[in-house]
N, C-alpha and C. Protein backbone atom coordinates (compact mmCIF):
# COMPACT_ATOMS: atom_id res chain seq x y z
N MET A 1 -39.92 -14.45 -20.98
CA MET A 1 -39.34 -15.61 -21.59
C MET A 1 -37.97 -15.27 -22.15
N SER A 2 -37.11 -16.21 -22.12
CA SER A 2 -35.79 -15.98 -22.69
C SER A 2 -35.81 -16.28 -24.18
N ASN A 3 -34.80 -15.83 -24.85
CA ASN A 3 -34.69 -15.98 -26.30
C ASN A 3 -33.77 -17.15 -26.65
N LEU A 4 -33.98 -18.31 -26.01
CA LEU A 4 -33.09 -19.44 -26.20
C LEU A 4 -33.75 -20.59 -26.94
N LYS A 5 -34.70 -20.30 -27.80
CA LYS A 5 -35.35 -21.35 -28.58
C LYS A 5 -34.37 -21.94 -29.57
N ASN A 6 -34.51 -23.21 -29.81
CA ASN A 6 -33.67 -23.86 -30.82
C ASN A 6 -34.29 -23.64 -32.19
N THR A 7 -33.66 -22.82 -32.97
CA THR A 7 -34.11 -22.57 -34.33
C THR A 7 -33.04 -23.05 -35.29
N PRO A 8 -33.39 -23.29 -36.55
CA PRO A 8 -32.37 -23.73 -37.51
C PRO A 8 -31.26 -22.71 -37.72
N GLU A 9 -31.56 -21.43 -37.52
CA GLU A 9 -30.56 -20.38 -37.74
C GLU A 9 -29.59 -20.26 -36.57
N GLN A 10 -29.97 -20.74 -35.39
CA GLN A 10 -29.12 -20.61 -34.23
C GLN A 10 -27.94 -21.57 -34.34
N GLU A 11 -26.76 -21.07 -34.08
CA GLU A 11 -25.57 -21.89 -34.19
C GLU A 11 -24.91 -22.01 -32.83
N ASP A 12 -23.92 -22.86 -32.75
CA ASP A 12 -23.21 -23.11 -31.51
C ASP A 12 -22.50 -21.84 -31.07
N PRO A 13 -22.80 -21.31 -29.89
CA PRO A 13 -22.15 -20.05 -29.46
C PRO A 13 -20.67 -20.21 -29.15
N ARG A 14 -20.18 -21.44 -29.07
CA ARG A 14 -18.77 -21.65 -28.79
C ARG A 14 -17.90 -21.50 -30.03
N LEU A 15 -18.50 -21.59 -31.21
CA LEU A 15 -17.73 -21.46 -32.45
C LEU A 15 -17.39 -20.00 -32.70
N PRO A 16 -16.16 -19.70 -33.06
CA PRO A 16 -15.77 -18.30 -33.25
C PRO A 16 -16.33 -17.68 -34.52
N LEU A 17 -16.66 -18.50 -35.52
CA LEU A 17 -17.16 -17.99 -36.79
C LEU A 17 -18.50 -18.64 -37.10
N SER A 18 -19.27 -17.98 -37.94
CA SER A 18 -20.57 -18.52 -38.32
C SER A 18 -20.43 -19.43 -39.52
N ARG A 19 -21.53 -20.03 -39.91
CA ARG A 19 -21.54 -20.93 -41.06
C ARG A 19 -21.16 -20.19 -42.33
N ARG A 20 -21.60 -18.95 -42.49
CA ARG A 20 -21.25 -18.14 -43.66
C ARG A 20 -19.74 -17.92 -43.74
N ASN A 21 -19.12 -17.66 -42.59
CA ASN A 21 -17.68 -17.46 -42.58
C ASN A 21 -16.94 -18.70 -43.06
N TYR A 22 -17.36 -19.86 -42.58
CA TYR A 22 -16.71 -21.10 -42.99
C TYR A 22 -16.94 -21.37 -44.48
N LEU A 23 -18.12 -21.03 -44.97
CA LEU A 23 -18.39 -21.19 -46.40
C LEU A 23 -17.49 -20.28 -47.22
N LEU A 24 -17.31 -19.05 -46.79
CA LEU A 24 -16.41 -18.13 -47.49
C LEU A 24 -14.96 -18.61 -47.42
N LEU A 25 -14.57 -19.21 -46.31
CA LEU A 25 -13.22 -19.76 -46.21
C LEU A 25 -13.00 -20.88 -47.22
N VAL A 26 -13.99 -21.73 -47.40
CA VAL A 26 -13.87 -22.83 -48.37
C VAL A 26 -13.82 -22.27 -49.79
N ILE A 27 -14.64 -21.25 -50.08
CA ILE A 27 -14.62 -20.63 -51.40
C ILE A 27 -13.26 -19.98 -51.67
N GLY A 28 -12.73 -19.27 -50.69
CA GLY A 28 -11.41 -18.65 -50.85
C GLY A 28 -10.32 -19.68 -51.08
N PHE A 29 -10.39 -20.79 -50.35
CA PHE A 29 -9.41 -21.86 -50.55
C PHE A 29 -9.51 -22.43 -51.96
N GLY A 30 -10.74 -22.57 -52.45
CA GLY A 30 -10.94 -23.07 -53.81
C GLY A 30 -10.36 -22.13 -54.86
N ILE A 31 -10.49 -20.82 -54.65
CA ILE A 31 -9.94 -19.83 -55.57
C ILE A 31 -8.41 -19.90 -55.56
N ILE A 32 -7.82 -20.03 -54.38
CA ILE A 32 -6.36 -20.15 -54.28
C ILE A 32 -5.88 -21.42 -54.98
N LEU A 33 -6.56 -22.52 -54.75
CA LEU A 33 -6.19 -23.78 -55.38
C LEU A 33 -6.30 -23.68 -56.90
N LEU A 34 -7.35 -23.04 -57.41
CA LEU A 34 -7.49 -22.85 -58.85
C LEU A 34 -6.34 -22.02 -59.41
N GLY A 35 -5.94 -20.97 -58.68
CA GLY A 35 -4.81 -20.16 -59.13
C GLY A 35 -3.52 -20.95 -59.21
N PHE A 36 -3.26 -21.79 -58.22
CA PHE A 36 -2.04 -22.61 -58.26
C PHE A 36 -2.10 -23.66 -59.35
N LEU A 37 -3.28 -24.22 -59.61
CA LEU A 37 -3.40 -25.19 -60.69
C LEU A 37 -3.17 -24.53 -62.05
N LEU A 38 -3.62 -23.28 -62.21
CA LEU A 38 -3.39 -22.57 -63.47
C LEU A 38 -1.92 -22.23 -63.66
N MET A 39 -1.17 -22.09 -62.58
CA MET A 39 0.26 -21.80 -62.67
C MET A 39 1.10 -23.02 -63.02
N ALA A 40 0.57 -24.19 -62.78
CA ALA A 40 1.34 -25.43 -62.95
C ALA A 40 1.63 -25.72 -64.42
N GLY A 41 2.67 -26.49 -64.63
CA GLY A 41 3.01 -26.95 -65.97
C GLY A 41 3.85 -25.95 -66.73
N GLY A 42 3.99 -26.20 -68.02
CA GLY A 42 4.72 -25.27 -68.88
C GLY A 42 6.16 -25.63 -69.12
N GLY A 43 6.63 -26.68 -68.52
CA GLY A 43 8.02 -27.07 -68.74
C GLY A 43 8.16 -27.85 -70.05
N SER A 44 9.36 -27.92 -70.53
CA SER A 44 9.58 -28.69 -71.77
C SER A 44 10.05 -30.10 -71.41
N ASP A 45 9.92 -31.00 -72.36
CA ASP A 45 10.34 -32.39 -72.14
C ASP A 45 11.85 -32.52 -72.10
N SER A 46 12.52 -31.68 -72.86
CA SER A 46 13.97 -31.74 -72.93
C SER A 46 14.56 -30.48 -72.30
N PRO A 47 15.59 -30.61 -71.49
CA PRO A 47 16.20 -29.42 -70.89
C PRO A 47 16.95 -28.56 -71.91
N ASP A 48 17.17 -29.08 -73.11
CA ASP A 48 17.87 -28.32 -74.14
C ASP A 48 16.94 -27.38 -74.92
N GLU A 49 15.63 -27.56 -74.78
CA GLU A 49 14.66 -26.74 -75.49
C GLU A 49 14.05 -25.72 -74.55
N PHE A 50 13.82 -24.51 -75.08
CA PHE A 50 13.15 -23.49 -74.30
C PHE A 50 11.70 -23.42 -74.76
N ASN A 51 10.77 -23.46 -73.82
CA ASN A 51 9.36 -23.47 -74.14
C ASN A 51 8.74 -22.13 -73.75
N TYR A 52 8.27 -21.37 -74.74
CA TYR A 52 7.67 -20.06 -74.47
C TYR A 52 6.28 -20.17 -73.85
N ALA A 53 5.67 -21.35 -73.86
CA ALA A 53 4.36 -21.53 -73.24
C ALA A 53 4.43 -21.30 -71.73
N MET A 54 5.64 -21.34 -71.20
CA MET A 54 5.82 -21.09 -69.78
C MET A 54 5.45 -19.65 -69.43
N PHE A 55 5.52 -18.74 -70.37
CA PHE A 55 5.23 -17.33 -70.12
C PHE A 55 3.88 -16.91 -70.70
N SER A 56 2.89 -17.79 -70.64
CA SER A 56 1.58 -17.46 -71.16
C SER A 56 0.87 -16.49 -70.23
N TRP A 57 -0.13 -15.83 -70.76
CA TRP A 57 -0.91 -14.85 -69.99
C TRP A 57 -1.59 -15.53 -68.80
N ARG A 58 -2.00 -16.76 -68.99
CA ARG A 58 -2.67 -17.50 -67.92
C ARG A 58 -1.75 -17.71 -66.73
N ARG A 59 -0.48 -18.02 -67.00
CA ARG A 59 0.45 -18.34 -65.91
C ARG A 59 1.04 -17.12 -65.22
N ILE A 60 1.28 -16.05 -65.97
CA ILE A 60 1.96 -14.92 -65.33
C ILE A 60 1.03 -13.78 -64.95
N THR A 61 -0.25 -13.84 -65.37
CA THR A 61 -1.17 -12.76 -65.02
C THR A 61 -2.40 -13.28 -64.29
N LEU A 62 -3.13 -14.16 -64.93
CA LEU A 62 -4.40 -14.63 -64.37
C LEU A 62 -4.21 -15.41 -63.07
N ALA A 63 -3.31 -16.37 -63.06
CA ALA A 63 -3.13 -17.22 -61.88
C ALA A 63 -2.70 -16.43 -60.64
N PRO A 64 -1.72 -15.52 -60.73
CA PRO A 64 -1.38 -14.74 -59.53
C PRO A 64 -2.52 -13.84 -59.05
N ILE A 65 -3.31 -13.31 -59.98
CA ILE A 65 -4.46 -12.49 -59.57
C ILE A 65 -5.46 -13.35 -58.80
N LEU A 66 -5.69 -14.58 -59.27
CA LEU A 66 -6.61 -15.47 -58.56
C LEU A 66 -6.08 -15.83 -57.18
N VAL A 67 -4.79 -16.08 -57.07
CA VAL A 67 -4.22 -16.43 -55.76
C VAL A 67 -4.35 -15.27 -54.78
N VAL A 68 -4.00 -14.08 -55.21
CA VAL A 68 -4.11 -12.91 -54.33
C VAL A 68 -5.57 -12.63 -54.00
N GLY A 69 -6.45 -12.79 -54.99
CA GLY A 69 -7.88 -12.61 -54.74
C GLY A 69 -8.41 -13.64 -53.76
N GLY A 70 -7.93 -14.87 -53.85
CA GLY A 70 -8.34 -15.90 -52.90
C GLY A 70 -7.90 -15.59 -51.48
N PHE A 71 -6.69 -15.05 -51.34
CA PHE A 71 -6.24 -14.65 -50.00
C PHE A 71 -7.07 -13.47 -49.48
N ALA A 72 -7.48 -12.58 -50.37
CA ALA A 72 -8.35 -11.47 -49.95
C ALA A 72 -9.70 -12.00 -49.47
N VAL A 73 -10.24 -13.00 -50.14
CA VAL A 73 -11.50 -13.62 -49.70
C VAL A 73 -11.30 -14.28 -48.34
N GLU A 74 -10.17 -14.91 -48.13
CA GLU A 74 -9.88 -15.55 -46.84
C GLU A 74 -9.84 -14.51 -45.71
N VAL A 75 -9.17 -13.40 -45.93
CA VAL A 75 -9.10 -12.35 -44.91
C VAL A 75 -10.49 -11.79 -44.63
N TYR A 76 -11.26 -11.56 -45.70
CA TYR A 76 -12.62 -11.05 -45.52
C TYR A 76 -13.47 -12.05 -44.74
N ALA A 77 -13.33 -13.34 -45.05
CA ALA A 77 -14.11 -14.37 -44.37
C ALA A 77 -13.79 -14.43 -42.88
N ILE A 78 -12.55 -14.19 -42.54
CA ILE A 78 -12.17 -14.23 -41.12
C ILE A 78 -12.61 -12.96 -40.40
N MET A 79 -12.50 -11.82 -41.06
CA MET A 79 -12.78 -10.55 -40.39
C MET A 79 -14.27 -10.19 -40.35
N LYS A 80 -15.06 -10.66 -41.31
CA LYS A 80 -16.47 -10.30 -41.37
C LYS A 80 -17.23 -10.94 -40.22
N ARG A 81 -18.03 -10.14 -39.53
CA ARG A 81 -18.83 -10.65 -38.43
C ARG A 81 -20.29 -10.63 -38.84
N TYR A 82 -20.90 -11.80 -38.87
CA TYR A 82 -22.32 -11.93 -39.17
C TYR A 82 -23.07 -12.05 -37.87
N ASN A 83 -24.26 -11.45 -37.83
CA ASN A 83 -25.10 -11.54 -36.63
C ASN A 83 -25.61 -12.96 -36.48
N ARG A 84 -25.62 -13.39 -35.27
CA ARG A 84 -26.09 -14.75 -35.00
C ARG A 84 -27.54 -14.69 -34.76
């Protein structure tokens, strides 16, 4: 007998990545989006005033780490091969 039974775990052989890979891609995209959202804002209402909130730890440290980490998750999601 051949091993071609339709099981819930079996996926379309034409797809280059598995369901786990696509899930990791979505998670990585979410991490990147969160990093960019944390970087946003910080400007002042008046161009004559300087706002030091623009240089907060969240904007210059945490957000770039999240963005780079999200890209690392994306690369891992593309390169990782799961058994079908």
